[in-house]
């Protein structure tokens, strides 16, 4: 009998898989599903510039911002003015 180990899925691991998927090269004509990254709604502003701790800037456009990497995901999750959009 073969043992199967389950890996805990975290937001960071989802982003790691998403990044790996965007680097993958597929055969011509093969269909690739777009990578879905976590999207957060800004509860205070429809447009603003976020300044992350490392002085990186991210734009909020139309009241939403997409978490494109683990650092940004952590930043958005720890701020009360942002909420994760669930579809």
C-alpha atoms as a PDB file:
ATOM      1  CA  UNK A   1       0.000   0.000   0.000  1.00  0.00           C
ATOM      2  CA  UNK A   2       1.292   3.462  -0.871  1.00  0.00           C
ATOM      3  CA  UNK A   3       0.998   6.257   1.671  1.00  0.00           C
ATOM      4  CA  UNK A   4      -0.195   9.612   0.390  1.00  0.00           C
ATOM      5  CA  UNK A   5       0.827  12.736   2.252  1.00  0.00           C
ATOM      6  CA  UNK A   6      -1.322  15.824   1.957  1.00  0.00           C
ATOM      7  CA  UNK A   7       0.311  19.226   1.854  1.00  0.00           C
ATOM      8  CA  UNK A   8      -1.371  22.096   3.670  1.00  0.00           C
ATOM      9  CA  UNK A   9      -2.524  24.745   1.221  1.00  0.00           C
ATOM     10  CA  UNK A  10      -1.721  28.288   2.286  1.00  0.00           C
ATOM     11  CA  UNK A  11      -2.108  31.567   0.399  1.00  0.00           C
ATOM     12  CA  UNK A  12       1.666  31.636  -0.070  1.00  0.00           C
ATOM     13  CA  UNK A  13       1.728  28.124  -1.565  1.00  0.00           C
ATOM     14  CA  UNK A  14      -1.082  29.088  -3.941  1.00  0.00           C
ATOM     15  CA  UNK A  15       0.964  32.051  -5.140  1.00  0.00           C
ATOM     16  CA  UNK A  16       4.053  29.827  -5.543  1.00  0.00           C
ATOM     17  CA  UNK A  17       2.084  27.439  -7.751  1.00  0.00           C
ATOM     18  CA  UNK A  18       0.609  30.365  -9.692  1.00  0.00           C
ATOM     19  CA  UNK A  19       4.089  31.788 -10.325  1.00  0.00           C
ATOM     20  CA  UNK A  20       5.339  28.406 -11.513  1.00  0.00           C
ATOM     21  CA  UNK A  21       2.351  28.116 -13.859  1.00  0.00           C
ATOM     22  CA  UNK A  22       3.085  31.483 -15.480  1.00  0.00           C
ATOM     23  CA  UNK A  23       6.668  30.382 -16.186  1.00  0.00           C
ATOM     24  CA  UNK A  24       5.558  27.145 -17.840  1.00  0.00           C
ATOM     25  CA  UNK A  25       5.806  26.890 -21.628  1.00  0.00           C
ATOM     26  CA  UNK A  26       3.029  24.889 -23.264  1.00  0.00           C
ATOM     27  CA  UNK A  27       2.860  23.307 -26.666  1.00  0.00           C
ATOM     28  CA  UNK A  28       1.425  25.538 -29.387  1.00  0.00           C
ATOM     29  CA  UNK A  29      -2.353  25.371 -29.486  1.00  0.00           C
ATOM     30  CA  UNK A  30      -2.646  23.966 -25.949  1.00  0.00           C
ATOM     31  CA  UNK A  31      -5.226  25.738 -23.813  1.00  0.00           C
ATOM     32  CA  UNK A  32      -4.017  27.195 -20.529  1.00  0.00           C
ATOM     33  CA  UNK A  33      -6.386  28.400 -17.846  1.00  0.00           C
ATOM     34  CA  UNK A  34      -5.573  31.865 -16.510  1.00  0.00           C
ATOM     35  CA  UNK A  35      -4.057  31.951 -13.031  1.00  0.00           C
ATOM     36  CA  UNK A  36      -6.450  33.339 -10.433  1.00  0.00           C
ATOM     37  CA  UNK A  37      -4.724  35.429  -7.794  1.00  0.00           C
ATOM     38  CA  UNK A  38      -6.417  36.675  -4.618  1.00  0.00           C
ATOM     39  CA  UNK A  39      -8.235  39.966  -5.157  1.00  0.00           C
ATOM     40  CA  UNK A  40      -8.907  42.404  -2.327  1.00  0.00           C
ATOM     41  CA  UNK A  41     -11.501  45.174  -2.158  1.00  0.00           C
ATOM     42  CA  UNK A  42     -10.417  48.492  -0.700  1.00  0.00           C
ATOM     43  CA  UNK A  43     -13.157  49.487   1.740  1.00  0.00           C
ATOM     44  CA  UNK A  44     -11.980  53.112   1.989  1.00  0.00           C
ATOM     45  CA  UNK A  45     -10.792  54.304  -1.423  1.00  0.00           C
ATOM     46  CA  UNK A  46     -11.424  53.560  -5.089  1.00  0.00           C
ATOM     47  CA  UNK A  47      -7.949  54.730  -6.061  1.00  0.00           C
ATOM     48  CA  UNK A  48      -4.734  55.066  -4.068  1.00  0.00           C
ATOM     49  CA  UNK A  49      -1.081  54.092  -3.966  1.00  0.00           C
ATOM     50  CA  UNK A  50      -0.007  51.562  -1.346  1.00  0.00           C
ATOM     51  CA  UNK A  51       3.563  51.760  -0.074  1.00  0.00           C
ATOM     52  CA  UNK A  52       4.848  48.425   1.180  1.00  0.00           C
ATOM     53  CA  UNK A  53       7.516  48.149   3.907  1.00  0.00           C
ATOM     54  CA  UNK A  54      10.309  47.746   1.316  1.00  0.00           C
ATOM     55  CA  UNK A  55       9.201  51.016  -0.384  1.00  0.00           C
ATOM     56  CA  UNK A  56       7.550  49.137  -3.250  1.00  0.00           C
ATOM     57  CA  UNK A  57       4.363  50.780  -4.506  1.00  0.00           C
ATOM     58  CA  UNK A  58       1.138  49.097  -5.607  1.00  0.00           C
ATOM     59  CA  UNK A  59      -1.870  50.794  -7.170  1.00  0.00           C
ATOM     60  CA  UNK A  60      -5.483  50.331  -6.072  1.00  0.00           C
ATOM     61  CA  UNK A  61      -7.609  50.799  -9.184  1.00  0.00           C
ATOM     62  CA  UNK A  62     -11.383  50.750  -9.189  1.00  0.00           C
ATOM     63  CA  UNK A  63     -11.400  49.873  -5.492  1.00  0.00           C
ATOM     64  CA  UNK A  64      -9.556  46.580  -5.973  1.00  0.00           C
ATOM     65  CA  UNK A  65      -5.998  45.275  -5.876  1.00  0.00           C
ATOM     66  CA  UNK A  66      -4.663  41.852  -6.891  1.00  0.00           C
ATOM     67  CA  UNK A  67      -2.189  40.069  -4.597  1.00  0.00           C
ATOM     68  CA  UNK A  68       0.564  39.142  -7.038  1.00  0.00           C
ATOM     69  CA  UNK A  69       3.125  37.872  -4.521  1.00  0.00           C
ATOM     70  CA  UNK A  70       3.373  36.646  -0.901  1.00  0.00           C
ATOM     71  CA  UNK A  71       4.612  39.991   0.447  1.00  0.00           C
ATOM     72  CA  UNK A  72       1.657  41.892  -0.992  1.00  0.00           C
ATOM     73  CA  UNK A  73      -0.753  39.172   0.142  1.00  0.00           C
ATOM     74  CA  UNK A  74       0.502  39.479   3.729  1.00  0.00           C
ATOM     75  CA  UNK A  75       0.301  43.275   3.568  1.00  0.00           C
ATOM     76  CA  UNK A  76      -3.328  43.222   2.378  1.00  0.00           C
ATOM     77  CA  UNK A  77      -4.428  40.525   4.835  1.00  0.00           C
ATOM     78  CA  UNK A  78      -3.111  42.517   7.808  1.00  0.00           C
ATOM     79  CA  UNK A  79      -4.925  45.754   6.923  1.00  0.00           C
ATOM     80  CA  UNK A  80      -8.513  46.238   8.095  1.00  0.00           C
ATOM     81  CA  UNK A  81      -9.297  48.472   5.114  1.00  0.00           C
ATOM     82  CA  UNK A  82      -8.991  45.512   2.714  1.00  0.00           C
ATOM     83  CA  UNK A  83     -11.211  42.470   2.404  1.00  0.00           C
ATOM     84  CA  UNK A  84     -10.722  39.379   0.289  1.00  0.00           C
ATOM     85  CA  UNK A  85     -13.169  39.189  -2.607  1.00  0.00           C
ATOM     86  CA  UNK A  86     -14.804  35.800  -2.839  1.00  0.00           C
ATOM     87  CA  UNK A  87     -16.548  34.904  -6.077  1.00  0.00           C
END
